[in-house]
Amino acid sequence: MELFGTGKPRDPDEPPFGTEAVGYKHIALLVDSVDEEYARLKALGVEFIMDPATVDSGLRLAFFKDPDGNVLELLQKPE
């Protein structure tokens, strides 16, 4: 699990899609396969705010919110 802290406002268009002035940005959960977890969670009715994508560093990720509105990230390290 990866926790990020912040003390300054963020660009509202930049993941994780918020402007928290204080507090954490999101919680990242390391998974073996973002695509498999994405499919499993979608089948259970989870709505994603960012579909799976691979970023420049090679990390694969996707974002969703839990029932309380907390932003969660699925994170897969490159092989």
C-alpha atoms as a PDB file:
ATOM      1  CA  MET A   1       0.000   0.000   0.000  1.00  0.00           C
ATOM      2  CA  GLU A   2       1.237   3.472  -0.841  1.00  0.00           C
ATOM      3  CA  LEU A   3       0.027   6.631   0.930  1.00  0.00           C
ATOM      4  CA  PHE A   4       0.720  10.103  -0.431  1.00  0.00           C
ATOM      5  CA  GLY A   5       0.497  13.274   1.612  1.00  0.00           C
ATOM      6  CA  THR A   6      -0.074  16.776   0.333  1.00  0.00           C
ATOM      7  CA  GLY A   7      -0.007  20.259   1.738  1.00  0.00           C
ATOM      8  CA  LYS A   8      -0.844  22.304  -1.332  1.00  0.00           C
ATOM      9  CA  PRO A   9      -3.767  22.494  -3.772  1.00  0.00           C
ATOM     10  CA  ARG A  10      -3.595  20.343  -6.885  1.00  0.00           C
ATOM     11  CA  ASP A  11      -4.697  20.940 -10.441  1.00  0.00           C
ATOM     12  CA  PRO A  12      -8.314  19.654 -10.513  1.00  0.00           C
ATOM     13  CA  ASP A  13      -7.676  17.995 -13.901  1.00  0.00           C
ATOM     14  CA  GLU A  14      -4.636  16.058 -12.677  1.00  0.00           C
ATOM     15  CA  PRO A  15      -5.162  12.590 -11.112  1.00  0.00           C
ATOM     16  CA  PRO A  16      -6.495  11.897  -8.558  1.00  0.00           C
ATOM     17  CA  PHE A  17      -8.933  14.588  -9.628  1.00  0.00           C
ATOM     18  CA  GLY A  18      -9.167  16.787  -6.585  1.00  0.00           C
ATOM     19  CA  THR A  19      -7.903  19.898  -4.881  1.00  0.00           C
ATOM     20  CA  GLU A  20      -7.227  18.716  -1.336  1.00  0.00           C
ATOM     21  CA  ALA A  21      -5.458  21.501   0.565  1.00  0.00           C
ATOM     22  CA  VAL A  22      -4.399  19.151   3.373  1.00  0.00           C
ATOM     23  CA  GLY A  23      -4.542  15.380   3.717  1.00  0.00           C
ATOM     24  CA  TYR A  24      -3.768  12.435   1.517  1.00  0.00           C
ATOM     25  CA  LYS A  25      -4.254  12.399  -2.250  1.00  0.00           C
ATOM     26  CA  HIS A  26      -5.114   8.749  -2.662  1.00  0.00           C
ATOM     27  CA  ILE A  27      -4.250   5.243  -1.560  1.00  0.00           C
ATOM     28  CA  ALA A  28      -2.416   3.040  -4.053  1.00  0.00           C
ATOM     29  CA  LEU A  29      -2.883  -0.717  -3.969  1.00  0.00           C
ATOM     30  CA  LEU A  30      -0.182  -2.819  -5.631  1.00  0.00           C
ATOM     31  CA  VAL A  31      -1.728  -5.600  -7.725  1.00  0.00           C
ATOM     32  CA  ASP A  32      -0.367  -8.296 -10.034  1.00  0.00           C
ATOM     33  CA  SER A  33      -2.582  -7.169 -12.920  1.00  0.00           C
ATOM     34  CA  VAL A  34      -4.408  -3.845 -13.132  1.00  0.00           C
ATOM     35  CA  ASP A  35      -6.457  -5.119 -16.054  1.00  0.00           C
ATOM     36  CA  GLU A  36      -7.655  -8.236 -14.215  1.00  0.00           C
ATOM     37  CA  GLU A  37      -8.573  -6.278 -11.076  1.00  0.00           C
ATOM     38  CA  TYR A  38     -10.241  -3.583 -13.177  1.00  0.00           C
ATOM     39  CA  ALA A  39     -12.400  -6.226 -14.914  1.00  0.00           C
ATOM     40  CA  ARG A  40     -13.226  -7.936 -11.607  1.00  0.00           C
ATOM     41  CA  LEU A  41     -14.218  -4.690  -9.884  1.00  0.00           C
ATOM     42  CA  LYS A  42     -16.182  -3.397 -12.909  1.00  0.00           C
ATOM     43  CA  ALA A  43     -18.172  -6.660 -12.879  1.00  0.00           C
ATOM     44  CA  LEU A  44     -19.033  -5.909  -9.241  1.00  0.00           C
ATOM     45  CA  GLY A  45     -20.335  -2.454 -10.179  1.00  0.00           C
ATOM     46  CA  VAL A  46     -17.331  -0.294  -9.262  1.00  0.00           C
ATOM     47  CA  GLU A  47     -17.207   2.924 -11.310  1.00  0.00           C
ATOM     48  CA  PHE A  48     -13.727   4.031 -12.306  1.00  0.00           C
ATOM     49  CA  ILE A  49     -12.649   7.666 -12.623  1.00  0.00           C
ATOM     50  CA  MET A  50      -9.635   6.671 -14.739  1.00  0.00           C
ATOM     51  CA  ASP A  51      -9.521   3.511 -16.808  1.00  0.00           C
ATOM     52  CA  PRO A  52      -6.318   1.442 -16.957  1.00  0.00           C
ATOM     53  CA  ALA A  53      -3.396   3.285 -18.522  1.00  0.00           C
ATOM     54  CA  THR A  54       0.354   2.875 -18.739  1.00  0.00           C
ATOM     55  CA  VAL A  55       2.362   5.968 -17.810  1.00  0.00           C
ATOM     56  CA  ASP A  56       5.806   6.993 -19.066  1.00  0.00           C
ATOM     57  CA  SER A  57       7.582   5.179 -16.226  1.00  0.00           C
ATOM     58  CA  GLY A  58       5.978   1.895 -17.310  1.00  0.00           C
ATOM     59  CA  LEU A  59       3.612   1.722 -14.341  1.00  0.00           C
ATOM     60  CA  ARG A  60       0.090   0.582 -15.184  1.00  0.00           C
ATOM     61  CA  LEU A  61      -2.656   2.189 -13.117  1.00  0.00           C
ATOM     62  CA  ALA A  62      -6.360   2.905 -12.771  1.00  0.00           C
ATOM     63  CA  PHE A  63      -8.346   5.054 -10.305  1.00  0.00           C
ATOM     64  CA  PHE A  64     -11.727   4.606  -8.628  1.00  0.00           C
ATOM     65  CA  LYS A  65     -13.553   5.882  -5.550  1.00  0.00           C
ATOM     66  CA  ASP A  66     -14.728   3.801  -2.616  1.00  0.00           C
ATOM     67  CA  PRO A  67     -18.298   4.213  -1.270  1.00  0.00           C
ATOM     68  CA  ASP A  68     -17.105   7.061   0.990  1.00  0.00           C
ATOM     69  CA  GLY A  69     -15.516   8.960  -1.909  1.00  0.00           C
ATOM     70  CA  ASN A  70     -11.892   8.111  -1.101  1.00  0.00           C
ATOM     71  CA  VAL A  71      -9.742   7.829  -4.216  1.00  0.00           C
ATOM     72  CA  LEU A  72      -8.056   4.447  -4.668  1.00  0.00           C
ATOM     73  CA  GLU A  73      -5.441   3.515  -7.237  1.00  0.00           C
ATOM     74  CA  LEU A  74      -4.677   0.114  -8.675  1.00  0.00           C
ATOM     75  CA  LEU A  75      -0.942   0.021  -9.402  1.00  0.00           C
ATOM     76  CA  GLN A  76       1.070  -2.535 -11.352  1.00  0.00           C
ATOM     77  CA  LYS A  77       4.847  -2.331 -11.602  1.00  0.00           C
ATOM     78  CA  PRO A  78       6.482  -2.962 -14.980  1.00  0.00           C
ATOM     79  CA  GLU A  79       7.925  -6.436 -15.464  1.00  0.00           C
END
